[in-house]
Amino acid sequence: MAKKDKNQNENGFFAKIKNFFKSLTGEIKKVIWPDKPTVAKTTVTVIVIVLLVTLLVFIVDSIMVSLLGLLGFNTAQTNQTLPSSSTTVVEQNEDNKSEETSMNTTEAKETTSESEKS
């Protein structure tokens, strides 16, 4: 029975984790790490390429917006106003009868603020 327990420990969960980290450290020791000048050079290269691609995308986008504007597609519609939503207000008359009134949001706010004041 003791041999079976020993074999289970060797092939158990924690043994597999231990084996994984042993192999991991062995593989990391095999890696040839770059020196500082190489890292600096490749970092600068990557940053320059990213800036160039960004500039290229900006130029293509600007040209496309100009062409669409010439063709009559209005891409910048800043003067449009959204329709105001309407609110239904229920008021009670002096006779205790409910009366529904439809008004837009600003009118409803004004009405509620006036009623809160009094």
PDB file of N, CA and C in Angstrom:
ATOM      1  N   MET A   1       0.808  -1.193   0.000  1.00  0.00           N
ATOM      2  CA  MET A   1       0.000   0.000   0.000  1.00  0.00           C
ATOM      3  C   MET A   1       0.857   1.265   0.000  1.00  0.00           C
ATOM      4  N   ALA A   2       2.016   1.205   0.642  1.00  0.00           N
ATOM      5  CA  ALA A   2       2.902   2.362   0.720  1.00  0.00           C
ATOM      6  C   ALA A   2       3.447   2.723  -0.654  1.00  0.00           C
ATOM      7  N   LYS A   3       3.709   1.706  -1.487  1.00  0.00           N
ATOM      8  CA  LYS A   3       4.212   1.977  -2.833  1.00  0.00           C
ATOM      9  C   LYS A   3       3.166   2.701  -3.678  1.00  0.00           C
ATOM     10  N   LYS A   4       1.909   2.344  -3.511  1.00  0.00           N
ATOM     11  CA  LYS A   4       0.838   2.965  -4.285  1.00  0.00           C
ATOM     12  C   LYS A   4       0.693   4.447  -3.906  1.00  0.00           C
ATOM     13  N   ASP A   5       0.779   4.754  -2.604  1.00  0.00           N
ATOM     14  CA  ASP A   5       0.689   6.147  -2.164  1.00  0.00           C
ATOM     15  C   ASP A   5       1.855   6.971  -2.705  1.00  0.00           C
ATOM     16  N   LYS A   6       3.042   6.373  -2.727  1.00  0.00           N
ATOM     17  CA  LYS A   6       4.221   7.082  -3.233  1.00  0.00           C
ATOM     18  C   LYS A   6       4.068   7.373  -4.725  1.00  0.00           C
ATOM     19  N   ASN A   7       3.565   6.395  -5.486  1.00  0.00           N
ATOM     20  CA  ASN A   7       3.364   6.600  -6.919  1.00  0.00           C
ATOM     21  C   ASN A   7       2.306   7.672  -7.184  1.00  0.00           C
ATOM     22  N   GLN A   8       1.268   7.724  -6.376  1.00  0.00           N
ATOM     23  CA  GLN A   8       0.237   8.744  -6.552  1.00  0.00           C
ATOM     24  C   GLN A   8       0.803  10.125  -6.272  1.00  0.00           C
ATOM     25  N   ASN A   9       1.683  10.253  -5.285  1.00  0.00           N
ATOM     26  CA  ASN A   9       2.281  11.551  -4.985  1.00  0.00           C
ATOM     27  C   ASN A   9       3.189  12.012  -6.118  1.00  0.00           C
ATOM     28  N   GLU A  10       3.931  11.073  -6.729  1.00  0.00           N
ATOM     29  CA  GLU A  10       4.826  11.431  -7.825  1.00  0.00           C
ATOM     30  C   GLU A  10       4.043  11.880  -9.058  1.00  0.00           C
ATOM     31  N   ASN A  11       2.894  11.302  -9.298  1.00  0.00           N
ATOM     32  CA  ASN A  11       2.091  11.654 -10.469  1.00  0.00           C
ATOM     33  C   ASN A  11       0.925  12.562 -10.105  1.00  0.00           C
ATOM     34  N   GLY A  12       0.898  13.052  -8.872  1.00  0.00           N
ATOM     35  CA  GLY A  12      -0.213  13.863  -8.409  1.00  0.00           C
ATOM     36  C   GLY A  12      -0.173  15.284  -8.955  1.00  0.00           C
ATOM     37  N   PHE A  13      -1.136  16.045  -8.515  1.00  0.00           N
ATOM     38  CA  PHE A  13      -1.320  17.417  -8.974  1.00  0.00           C
ATOM     39  C   PHE A  13      -0.100  18.281  -8.659  1.00  0.00           C
ATOM     40  N   PHE A  14       0.375  18.251  -7.418  1.00  0.00           N
ATOM     41  CA  PHE A  14       1.490  19.103  -7.016  1.00  0.00           C
ATOM     42  C   PHE A  14       2.792  18.668  -7.674  1.00  0.00           C
ATOM     43  N   ALA A  15       2.928  17.385  -7.931  1.00  0.00           N
ATOM     44  CA  ALA A  15       4.116  16.893  -8.630  1.00  0.00           C
ATOM     45  C   ALA A  15       4.138  17.411 -10.068  1.00  0.00           C
ATOM     46  N   LYS A  16       2.973  17.467 -10.700  1.00  0.00           N
ATOM     47  CA  LYS A  16       2.892  17.989 -12.069  1.00  0.00           C
ATOM     48  C   LYS A  16       3.234  19.476 -12.103  1.00  0.00           C
ATOM     49  N   ILE A  17       2.772  20.214 -11.096  1.00  0.00           N
ATOM     50  CA  ILE A  17       3.088  21.646 -11.034  1.00  0.00           C
ATOM     51  C   ILE A  17       4.583  21.841 -10.836  1.00  0.00           C
ATOM     52  N   LYS A  18       5.176  21.060  -9.950  1.00  0.00           N
ATOM     53  CA  LYS A  18       6.616  21.147  -9.698  1.00  0.00           C
ATOM     54  C   LYS A  18       7.398  20.835 -10.968  1.00  0.00           C
ATOM     55  N   ASN A  19       6.985  19.815 -11.693  1.00  0.00           N
ATOM     56  CA  ASN A  19       7.641  19.436 -12.943  1.00  0.00           C
ATOM     57  C   ASN A  19       7.498  20.544 -13.993  1.00  0.00           C
ATOM     58  N   PHE A  20       6.321  21.169 -14.032  1.00  0.00           N
ATOM     59  CA  PHE A  20       6.097  22.257 -14.988  1.00  0.00           C
ATOM     60  C   PHE A  20       7.068  23.405 -14.745  1.00  0.00           C
ATOM     61  N   PHE A  21       7.218  23.818 -13.477  1.00  0.00           N
ATOM     62  CA  PHE A  21       8.096  24.945 -13.184  1.00  0.00           C
ATOM     63  C   PHE A  21       9.572  24.585 -13.385  1.00  0.00           C
ATOM     64  N   LYS A  22       9.952  23.342 -13.174  1.00  0.00           N
ATOM     65  CA  LYS A  22      11.323  22.921 -13.467  1.00  0.00           C
ATOM     66  C   LYS A  22      11.598  23.048 -14.962  1.00  0.00           C
ATOM     67  N   SER A  23      10.669  22.575 -15.804  1.00  0.00           N
ATOM     68  CA  SER A  23      10.864  22.698 -17.245  1.00  0.00           C
ATOM     69  C   SER A  23      10.832  24.153 -17.692  1.00  0.00           C
ATOM     70  N   LEU A  24       9.998  24.945 -17.042  1.00  0.00           N
ATOM     71  CA  LEU A  24       9.897  26.361 -17.400  1.00  0.00           C
ATOM     72  C   LEU A  24      11.215  27.073 -17.140  1.00  0.00           C
ATOM     73  N   THR A  25      11.803  26.870 -15.977  1.00  0.00           N
ATOM     74  CA  THR A  25      13.086  27.520 -15.684  1.00  0.00           C
ATOM     75  C   THR A  25      14.167  27.040 -16.632  1.00  0.00           C
ATOM     76  N   GLY A  26      14.140  25.758 -17.025  1.00  0.00           N
ATOM     77  CA  GLY A  26      15.111  25.246 -17.992  1.00  0.00           C
ATOM     78  C   GLY A  26      14.980  25.916 -19.344  1.00  0.00           C
ATOM     79  N   GLU A  27      13.739  26.142 -19.783  1.00  0.00           N
ATOM     80  CA  GLU A  27      13.518  26.806 -21.071  1.00  0.00           C
ATOM     81  C   GLU A  27      13.911  28.286 -21.022  1.00  0.00           C
ATOM     82  N   ILE A  28      13.637  28.941 -19.904  1.00  0.00           N
ATOM     83  CA  ILE A  28      13.984  30.361 -19.792  1.00  0.00           C
ATOM     84  C   ILE A  28      15.497  30.547 -19.806  1.00  0.00           C
ATOM     85  N   LYS A  29      16.244  29.610 -19.255  1.00  0.00           N
ATOM     86  CA  LYS A  29      17.708  29.697 -19.274  1.00  0.00           C
ATOM     87  C   LYS A  29      18.253  29.564 -20.695  1.00  0.00           C
ATOM     88  N   LYS A  30      17.515  28.915 -21.594  1.00  0.00           N
ATOM     89  CA  LYS A  30      17.960  28.738 -22.976  1.00  0.00           C
ATOM     90  C   LYS A  30      17.740  29.986 -23.831  1.00  0.00           C
ATOM     91  N   VAL A  31      16.886  30.897 -23.370  1.00  0.00           N
ATOM     92  CA  VAL A  31      16.556  32.088 -24.156  1.00  0.00           C
ATOM     93  C   VAL A  31      17.758  33.019 -24.231  1.00  0.00           C
ATOM     94  N   ILE A  32      18.014  33.542 -25.427  1.00  0.00           N
ATOM     95  CA  ILE A  32      19.073  34.537 -25.607  1.00  0.00           C
ATOM     96  C   ILE A  32      18.401  35.900 -25.547  1.00  0.00           C
ATOM     97  N   TRP A  33      18.617  36.614 -24.458  1.00  0.00           N
ATOM     98  CA  TRP A  33      17.975  37.895 -24.242  1.00  0.00           C
ATOM     99  C   TRP A  33      18.754  38.994 -24.964  1.00  0.00           C
ATOM    100  N   PRO A  34      18.053  39.973 -25.579  1.00  0.00           N
ATOM    101  CA  PRO A  34      18.755  41.053 -26.287  1.00  0.00           C
ATOM    102  C   PRO A  34      19.410  42.022 -25.299  1.00  0.00           C
ATOM    103  N   ASP A  35      20.466  42.693 -25.791  1.00  0.00           N
ATOM    104  CA  ASP A  35      21.122  43.684 -24.935  1.00  0.00           C
ATOM    105  C   ASP A  35      20.367  45.009 -25.000  1.00  0.00           C
ATOM    106  N   LYS A  36      20.743  45.953 -24.138  1.00  0.00           N
ATOM    107  CA  LYS A  36      20.010  47.223 -24.025  1.00  0.00           C
ATOM    108  C   LYS A  36      19.987  48.021 -25.326  1.00  0.00           C
ATOM    109  N   PRO A  37      21.103  48.147 -26.070  1.00  0.00           N
ATOM    110  CA  PRO A  37      21.024  48.914 -27.330  1.00  0.00           C
ATOM    111  C   PRO A  37      20.062  48.297 -28.344  1.00  0.00           C
ATOM    112  N   THR A  38      19.979  46.984 -28.393  1.00  0.00           N
ATOM    113  CA  THR A  38      19.056  46.327 -29.323  1.00  0.00           C
ATOM    114  C   THR A  38      17.609  46.595 -28.925  1.00  0.00           C
ATOM    115  N   VAL A  39      17.325  46.522 -27.620  1.00  0.00           N
ATOM    116  CA  VAL A  39      15.972  46.805 -27.143  1.00  0.00           C
ATOM    117  C   VAL A  39      15.595  48.252 -27.441  1.00  0.00           C
ATOM    118  N   ALA A  40      16.511  49.190 -27.212  1.00  0.00           N
ATOM    119  CA  ALA A  40      16.239  50.607 -27.480  1.00  0.00           C
ATOM    120  C   ALA A  40      15.990  50.835 -28.971  1.00  0.00           C
ATOM    121  N   LYS A  41      16.808  50.211 -29.821  1.00  0.00           N
ATOM    122  CA  LYS A  41      16.665  50.385 -31.268  1.00  0.00           C
ATOM    123  C   LYS A  41      15.327  49.841 -31.770  1.00  0.00           C
ATOM    124  N   THR A  42      14.955  48.656 -31.321  1.00  0.00           N
ATOM    125  CA  THR A  42      13.689  48.085 -31.784  1.00  0.00           C
ATOM    126  C   THR A  42      12.492  48.842 -31.216  1.00  0.00           C
ATOM    127  N   THR A  43      12.614  49.376 -29.997  1.00  0.00           N
ATOM    128  CA  THR A  43      11.524  50.174 -29.419  1.00  0.00           C
ATOM    129  C   THR A  43      11.298  51.442 -30.235  1.00  0.00           C
ATOM    130  N   VAL A  44      12.382  52.119 -30.587  1.00  0.00           N
ATOM    131  CA  VAL A  44      12.263  53.331 -31.406  1.00  0.00           C
ATOM    132  C   VAL A  44      11.672  52.994 -32.766  1.00  0.00           C
ATOM    133  N   THR A  45      12.076  51.877 -33.347  1.00  0.00           N
ATOM    134  CA  THR A  45      11.542  51.459 -34.647  1.00  0.00           C
ATOM    135  C   THR A  45      10.040  51.231 -34.572  1.00  0.00           C
ATOM    136  N   VAL A  46       9.586  50.558 -33.522  1.00  0.00           N
ATOM    137  CA  VAL A  46       8.153  50.286 -33.377  1.00  0.00           C
ATOM    138  C   VAL A  46       7.382  51.590 -33.206  1.00  0.00           C
ATOM    139  N   ILE A  47       7.881  52.511 -32.393  1.00  0.00           N
ATOM    140  CA  ILE A  47       7.181  53.782 -32.176  1.00  0.00           C
ATOM    141  C   ILE A  47       7.097  54.585 -33.468  1.00  0.00           C
ATOM    142  N   VAL A  48       8.177  54.628 -34.234  1.00  0.00           N
ATOM    143  CA  VAL A  48       8.175  55.371 -35.502  1.00  0.00           C
ATOM    144  C   VAL A  48       7.177  54.756 -36.484  1.00  0.00           C
ATOM    145  N   ILE A  49       7.139  53.447 -36.573  1.00  0.00           N
ATOM    146  CA  ILE A  49       6.197  52.786 -37.495  1.00  0.00           C
ATOM    147  C   ILE A  49       4.754  53.052 -37.071  1.00  0.00           C
ATOM    148  N   VAL A  50       4.487  53.005 -35.773  1.00  0.00           N
ATOM    149  CA  VAL A  50       3.123  53.284 -35.290  1.00  0.00           C
ATOM    150  C   VAL A  50       2.731  54.719 -35.636  1.00  0.00           C
ATOM    151  N   LEU A  51       3.630  55.677 -35.461  1.00  0.00           N
ATOM    152  CA  LEU A  51       3.324  57.074 -35.806  1.00  0.00           C
ATOM    153  C   LEU A  51       3.093  57.243 -37.307  1.00  0.00           C
ATOM    154  N   LEU A  52       3.890  56.565 -38.117  1.00  0.00           N
ATOM    155  CA  LEU A  52       3.705  56.662 -39.572  1.00  0.00           C
ATOM    156  C   LEU A  52       2.365  56.069 -40.015  1.00  0.00           C
ATOM    157  N   VAL A  53       1.998  54.935 -39.457  1.00  0.00           N
ATOM    158  CA  VAL A  53       0.715  54.322 -39.815  1.00  0.00           C
ATOM    159  C   VAL A  53      -0.438  55.206 -39.344  1.00  0.00           C
ATOM    160  N   THR A  54      -0.301  55.821 -38.161  1.00  0.00           N
ATOM    161  CA  THR A  54      -1.325  56.746 -37.667  1.00  0.00           C
ATOM    162  C   THR A  54      -1.487  57.929 -38.608  1.00  0.00           C
ATOM    163  N   LEU A  55      -0.371  58.492 -39.050  1.00  0.00           N
ATOM    164  CA  LEU A  55      -0.415  59.613 -39.994  1.00  0.00           C
ATOM    165  C   LEU A  55      -1.055  59.189 -41.315  1.00  0.00           C
ATOM    166  N   LEU A  56      -0.720  58.011 -41.796  1.00  0.00           N
ATOM    167  CA  LEU A  56      -1.298  57.512 -43.047  1.00  0.00           C
ATOM    168  C   LEU A  56      -2.812  57.338 -42.926  1.00  0.00           C
ATOM    169  N   VAL A  57      -3.282  56.770 -41.821  1.00  0.00           N
ATOM    170  CA  VAL A  57      -4.721  56.584 -41.620  1.00  0.00           C
ATOM    171  C   VAL A  57      -5.423  57.944 -41.531  1.00  0.00           C
ATOM    172  N   PHE A  58      -4.799  58.914 -40.861  1.00  0.00           N
ATOM    173  CA  PHE A  58      -5.384  60.259 -40.771  1.00  0.00           C
ATOM    174  C   PHE A  58      -5.509  60.897 -42.155  1.00  0.00           C
ATOM    175  N   ILE A  59      -4.471  60.768 -42.971  1.00  0.00           N
ATOM    176  CA  ILE A  59      -4.502  61.361 -44.313  1.00  0.00           C
ATOM    177  C   ILE A  59      -5.582  60.699 -45.169  1.00  0.00           C
ATOM    178  N   VAL A  60      -5.658  59.376 -45.149  1.00  0.00           N
ATOM    179  CA  VAL A  60      -6.679  58.667 -45.938  1.00  0.00           C
ATOM    180  C   VAL A  60      -8.073  59.046 -45.450  1.00  0.00           C
ATOM    181  N   ASP A  61      -8.261  59.149 -44.141  1.00  0.00           N
ATOM    182  CA  ASP A  61      -9.565  59.532 -43.591  1.00  0.00           C
ATOM    183  C   ASP A  61      -9.948  60.942 -44.030  1.00  0.00           C
ATOM    184  N   SER A  62      -9.002  61.863 -43.979  1.00  0.00           N
ATOM    185  CA  SER A  62      -9.289  63.240 -44.400  1.00  0.00           C
ATOM    186  C   SER A  62      -9.670  63.304 -45.874  1.00  0.00           C
ATOM    187  N   ILE A  63      -8.974  62.552 -46.709  1.00  0.00           N
ATOM    188  CA  ILE A  63      -9.294  62.526 -48.137  1.00  0.00           C
ATOM    189  C   ILE A  63     -10.686  61.944 -48.360  1.00  0.00           C
ATOM    190  N   MET A  64     -11.016  60.865 -47.662  1.00  0.00           N
ATOM    191  CA  MET A  64     -12.333  60.247 -47.828  1.00  0.00           C
ATOM    192  C   MET A  64     -13.451  61.194 -47.376  1.00  0.00           C
ATOM    193  N   VAL A  65     -13.256  61.904 -46.267  1.00  0.00           N
ATOM    194  CA  VAL A  65     -14.268  62.853 -45.799  1.00  0.00           C
ATOM    195  C   VAL A  65     -14.454  63.972 -46.824  1.00  0.00           C
ATOM    196  N   SER A  66     -13.349  64.460 -47.396  1.00  0.00           N
ATOM    197  CA  SER A  66     -13.443  65.513 -48.415  1.00  0.00           C
ATOM    198  C   SER A  66     -14.181  65.022 -49.656  1.00  0.00           C
ATOM    199  N   LEU A  67     -13.863  63.806 -50.098  1.00  0.00           N
ATOM    200  CA  LEU A  67     -14.539  63.258 -51.270  1.00  0.00           C
ATOM    201  C   LEU A  67     -16.023  63.039 -51.014  1.00  0.00           C
ATOM    202  N   LEU A  68     -16.365  62.544 -49.857  1.00  0.00           N
ATOM    203  CA  LEU A  68     -17.783  62.351 -49.534  1.00  0.00           C
ATOM    204  C   LEU A  68     -18.509  63.692 -49.443  1.00  0.00           C
ATOM    205  N   GLY A  69     -17.835  64.708 -48.944  1.00  0.00           N
ATOM    206  CA  GLY A  69     -18.431  66.042 -48.896  1.00  0.00           C
ATOM    207  C   GLY A  69     -18.676  66.597 -50.283  1.00  0.00           C
ATOM    208  N   LEU A  70     -17.740  66.360 -51.211  1.00  0.00           N
ATOM    209  CA  LEU A  70     -17.916  66.821 -52.591  1.00  0.00           C
ATOM    210  C   LEU A  70     -19.039  66.076 -53.294  1.00  0.00           C
ATOM    211  N   LEU A  71     -19.260  64.838 -52.921  1.00  0.00           N
ATOM    212  CA  LEU A  71     -20.317  64.044 -53.543  1.00  0.00           C
ATOM    213  C   LEU A  71     -21.692  64.340 -52.951  1.00  0.00           C
ATOM    214  N   GLY A  72     -21.736  65.155 -51.914  1.00  0.00           N
ATOM    215  CA  GLY A  72     -23.023  65.542 -51.363  1.00  0.00           C
ATOM    216  C   GLY A  72     -23.399  64.848 -50.079  1.00  0.00           C
ATOM    217  N   PHE A  73     -22.538  64.001 -49.569  1.00  0.00           N
ATOM    218  CA  PHE A  73     -22.821  63.375 -48.285  1.00  0.00           C
ATOM    219  C   PHE A  73     -22.356  64.315 -47.185  1.00  0.00           C
ATOM    220  N   ASN A  74     -23.309  64.794 -46.413  1.00  0.00           N
ATOM    221  CA  ASN A  74     -22.973  65.726 -45.348  1.00  0.00           C
ATOM    222  C   ASN A  74     -22.604  64.916 -44.109  1.00  0.00           C
ATOM    223  N   THR A  75     -21.331  64.857 -43.779  1.00  0.00           N
ATOM    224  CA  THR A  75     -20.885  64.007 -42.674  1.00  0.00           C
ATOM    225  C   THR A  75     -20.950  64.702 -41.326  1.00  0.00           C
ATOM    226  N   ALA A  76     -20.891  66.018 -41.297  1.00  0.00           N
ATOM    227  CA  ALA A  76     -20.924  66.739 -40.024  1.00  0.00           C
ATOM    228  C   ALA A  76     -22.246  67.483 -39.908  1.00  0.00           C
ATOM    229  N   GLN A  77     -23.198  66.913 -39.193  1.00  0.00           N
ATOM    230  CA  GLN A  77     -24.499  67.535 -39.011  1.00  0.00           C
ATOM    231  C   GLN A  77     -24.607  68.009 -37.573  1.00  0.00           C
ATOM    232  N   THR A  78     -24.044  69.188 -37.306  1.00  0.00           N
ATOM    233  CA  THR A  78     -23.991  69.663 -35.924  1.00  0.00           C
ATOM    234  C   THR A  78     -25.186  70.525 -35.553  1.00  0.00           C
ATOM    235  N   ASN A  79     -25.924  71.033 -36.521  1.00  0.00           N
ATOM    236  CA  ASN A  79     -27.026  71.941 -36.215  1.00  0.00           C
ATOM    237  C   ASN A  79     -28.357  71.238 -36.042  1.00  0.00           C
ATOM    238  N   GLN A  80     -28.384  69.925 -36.025  1.00  0.00           N
ATOM    239  CA  GLN A  80     -29.637  69.213 -35.836  1.00  0.00           C
ATOM    240  C   GLN A  80     -30.002  69.204 -34.366  1.00  0.00           C
ATOM    241  N   THR A  81     -31.279  69.408 -34.108  1.00  0.00           N
ATOM    242  CA  THR A  81     -31.754  69.319 -32.732  1.00  0.00           C
ATOM    243  C   THR A  81     -32.630  68.087 -32.602  1.00  0.00           C
ATOM    244  N   LEU A  82     -32.536  67.460 -31.482  1.00  0.00           N
ATOM    245  CA  LEU A  82     -33.346  66.275 -31.246  1.00  0.00           C
ATOM    246  C   LEU A  82     -34.745  66.693 -30.833  1.00  0.00           C
ATOM    247  N   PRO A  83     -35.765  65.966 -31.256  1.00  0.00           N
ATOM    248  CA  PRO A  83     -37.119  66.313 -30.819  1.00  0.00           C
ATOM    249  C   PRO A  83     -37.258  66.073 -29.316  1.00  0.00           C
ATOM    250  N   SER A  84     -37.980  66.980 -28.678  1.00  0.00           N
ATOM    251  CA  SER A  84     -38.149  66.830 -27.239  1.00  0.00           C
ATOM    252  C   SER A  84     -39.192  65.753 -26.963  1.00  0.00           C
ATOM    253  N   SER A  85     -38.974  65.023 -25.900  1.00  0.00           N
ATOM    254  CA  SER A  85     -39.922  63.967 -25.558  1.00  0.00           C
ATOM    255  C   SER A  85     -41.115  64.587 -24.853  1.00  0.00           C
ATOM    256  N   SER A  86     -42.260  63.989 -25.033  1.00  0.00           N
ATOM    257  CA  SER A  86     -43.451  64.526 -24.392  1.00  0.00           C
ATOM    258  C   SER A  86     -43.752  63.745 -23.126  1.00  0.00           C
ATOM    259  N   THR A  87     -44.341  64.427 -22.184  1.00  0.00           N
ATOM    260  CA  THR A  87     -44.679  63.831 -20.900  1.00  0.00           C
ATOM    261  C   THR A  87     -46.160  64.025 -20.656  1.00  0.00           C
ATOM    262  N   THR A  88     -46.803  63.016 -20.131  1.00  0.00           N
ATOM    263  CA  THR A  88     -48.211  63.126 -19.789  1.00  0.00           C
ATOM    264  C   THR A  88     -48.323  63.470 -18.315  1.00  0.00           C
ATOM    265  N   VAL A  89     -49.013  64.561 -18.045  1.00  0.00           N
ATOM    266  CA  VAL A  89     -49.173  65.023 -16.678  1.00  0.00           C
ATOM    267  C   VAL A  89     -50.631  64.829 -16.285  1.00  0.00           C
ATOM    268  N   VAL A  90     -50.854  64.228 -15.152  1.00  0.00           N
ATOM    269  CA  VAL A  90     -52.213  64.017 -14.663  1.00  0.00           C
ATOM    270  C   VAL A  90     -52.471  65.035 -13.562  1.00  0.00           C
ATOM    271  N   GLU A  91     -53.494  65.854 -13.792  1.00  0.00           N
ATOM    272  CA  GLU A  91     -53.859  66.878 -12.804  1.00  0.00           C
ATOM    273  C   GLU A  91     -55.262  66.602 -12.296  1.00  0.00           C
ATOM    274  N   GLN A  92     -55.524  67.012 -11.092  1.00  0.00           N
ATOM    275  CA  GLN A  92     -56.878  66.871 -10.559  1.00  0.00           C
ATOM    276  C   GLN A  92     -57.522  68.252 -10.487  1.00  0.00           C
ATOM    277  N   ASN A  93     -58.758  68.300 -10.987  1.00  0.00           N
ATOM    278  CA  ASN A  93     -59.518  69.547 -10.938  1.00  0.00           C
ATOM    279  C   ASN A  93     -60.057  69.765  -9.532  1.00  0.00           C
ATOM    280  N   GLU A  94     -60.758  70.871  -9.380  1.00  0.00           N
ATOM    281  CA  GLU A  94     -61.416  71.144  -8.108  1.00  0.00           C
ATOM    282  C   GLU A  94     -62.496  70.115  -7.816  1.00  0.00           C
ATOM    283  N   ASP A  95     -63.037  69.489  -8.874  1.00  0.00           N
ATOM    284  CA  ASP A  95     -64.093  68.495  -8.711  1.00  0.00           C
ATOM    285  C   ASP A  95     -63.518  67.099  -8.493  1.00  0.00           C
ATOM    286  N   ASN A  96     -62.210  66.986  -8.245  1.00  0.00           N
ATOM    287  CA  ASN A  96     -61.514  65.715  -8.068  1.00  0.00           C
ATOM    288  C   ASN A  96     -61.579  64.822  -9.312  1.00  0.00           C
ATOM    289  N   LYS A  97     -61.657  65.414 -10.487  1.00  0.00           N
ATOM    290  CA  LYS A  97     -61.630  64.664 -11.726  1.00  0.00           C
ATOM    291  C   LYS A  97     -60.211  64.751 -12.296  1.00  0.00           C
ATOM    292  N   SER A  98     -59.721  63.601 -12.735  1.00  0.00           N
ATOM    293  CA  SER A  98     -58.370  63.569 -13.308  1.00  0.00           C
ATOM    294  C   SER A  98     -58.416  64.099 -14.725  1.00  0.00           C
ATOM    295  N   GLU A  99     -57.411  64.872 -15.080  1.00  0.00           N
ATOM    296  CA  GLU A  99     -57.329  65.438 -16.421  1.00  0.00           C
ATOM    297  C   GLU A  99     -55.897  65.222 -16.923  1.00  0.00           C
ATOM    298  N   GLU A 100     -55.772  64.575 -18.080  1.00  0.00           N
ATOM    299  CA  GLU A 100     -54.451  64.323 -18.640  1.00  0.00           C
ATOM    300  C   GLU A 100     -54.083  65.434 -19.595  1.00  0.00           C
ATOM    301  N   THR A 101     -52.862  65.920 -19.462  1.00  0.00           N
ATOM    302  CA  THR A 101     -52.362  66.966 -20.328  1.00  0.00           C
ATOM    303  C   THR A 101     -51.031  66.504 -20.890  1.00  0.00           C
ATOM    304  N   SER A 102     -50.843  66.659 -22.177  1.00  0.00           N
ATOM    305  CA  SER A 102     -49.584  66.278 -22.800  1.00  0.00           C
ATOM    306  C   SER A 102     -48.757  67.527 -23.008  1.00  0.00           C
ATOM    307  N   MET A 103     -47.530  67.499 -22.519  1.00  0.00           N
ATOM    308  CA  MET A 103     -46.626  68.631 -22.693  1.00  0.00           C
ATOM    309  C   MET A 103     -45.214  68.108 -22.851  1.00  0.00           C
ATOM    310  N   ASN A 104     -44.345  68.953 -23.393  1.00  0.00           N
ATOM    311  CA  ASN A 104     -42.969  68.490 -23.573  1.00  0.00           C
ATOM    312  C   ASN A 104     -42.221  68.526 -22.242  1.00  0.00           C
ATOM    313  N   THR A 105     -41.012  68.027 -22.241  1.00  0.00           N
ATOM    314  CA  THR A 105     -40.260  67.831 -21.008  1.00  0.00           C
ATOM    315  C   THR A 105     -39.984  69.138 -20.281  1.00  0.00           C
ATOM    316  N   THR A 106     -39.639  70.198 -21.005  1.00  0.00           N
ATOM    317  CA  THR A 106     -39.317  71.467 -20.341  1.00  0.00           C
ATOM    318  C   THR A 106     -40.555  72.070 -19.697  1.00  0.00           C
ATOM    319  N   GLU A 107     -41.695  71.956 -20.364  1.00  0.00           N
ATOM    320  CA  GLU A 107     -42.927  72.466 -19.763  1.00  0.00           C
ATOM    321  C   GLU A 107     -43.285  71.678 -18.511  1.00  0.00           C
ATOM    322  N   ALA A 108     -43.070  70.368 -18.535  1.00  0.00           N
ATOM    323  CA  ALA A 108     -43.379  69.539 -17.380  1.00  0.00           C
ATOM    324  C   ALA A 108     -42.481  69.897 -16.206  1.00  0.00           C
ATOM    325  N   LYS A 109     -41.201  70.149 -16.474  1.00  0.00           N
ATOM    326  CA  LYS A 109     -40.287  70.540 -15.407  1.00  0.00           C
ATOM    327  C   LYS A 109     -40.677  71.875 -14.800  1.00  0.00           C
ATOM    328  N   GLU A 110     -41.054  72.828 -15.677  1.00  0.00           N
ATOM    329  CA  GLU A 110     -41.464  74.140 -15.193  1.00  0.00           C
ATOM    330  C   GLU A 110     -42.711  74.025 -14.328  1.00  0.00           C
ATOM    331  N   THR A 111     -43.667  73.201 -14.749  1.00  0.00           N
ATOM    332  CA  THR A 111     -44.900  73.042 -14.007  1.00  0.00           C
ATOM    333  C   THR A 111     -44.648  72.418 -12.646  1.00  0.00           C
ATOM    334  N   THR A 112     -43.790  71.399 -12.605  1.00  0.00           N
ATOM    335  CA  THR A 112     -43.519  70.751 -11.321  1.00  0.00           C
ATOM    336  C   THR A 112     -42.729  71.677 -10.397  1.00  0.00           C
ATOM    337  N   SER A 113     -41.823  72.485 -10.938  1.00  0.00           N
ATOM    338  CA  SER A 113     -41.058  73.384 -10.070  1.00  0.00           C
ATOM    339  C   SER A 113     -41.959  74.492  -9.536  1.00  0.00           C
ATOM    340  N   GLU A 114     -42.940  74.958 -10.330  1.00  0.00           N
ATOM    341  CA  GLU A 114     -43.875  75.972  -9.857  1.00  0.00           C
ATOM    342  C   GLU A 114     -44.775  75.420  -8.763  1.00  0.00           C
ATOM    343  N   SER A 115     -45.213  74.165  -8.931  1.00  0.00           N
ATOM    344  CA  SER A 115     -46.092  73.571  -7.921  1.00  0.00           C
ATOM    345  C   SER A 115     -45.337  73.278  -6.642  1.00  0.00           C
ATOM    346  N   GLU A 116     -44.030  72.998  -6.721  1.00  0.00           N
ATOM    347  CA  GLU A 116     -43.246  72.760  -5.529  1.00  0.00           C
ATOM    348  C   GLU A 116     -43.021  74.052  -4.749  1.00  0.00           C
ATOM    349  N   LYS A 117     -42.951  75.173  -5.448  1.00  0.00           N
ATOM    350  CA  LYS A 117     -42.741  76.481  -4.787  1.00  0.00           C
ATOM    351  C   LYS A 117     -43.943  76.877  -3.962  1.00  0.00           C
ATOM    352  N   SER A 118     -45.137  76.549  -4.443  1.00  0.00           N
ATOM    353  CA  SER A 118     -46.332  76.994  -3.724  1.00  0.00           C
ATOM    354  C   SER A 118     -46.818  76.025  -2.698  1.00  0.00           C
TER     355      SER A 118
END
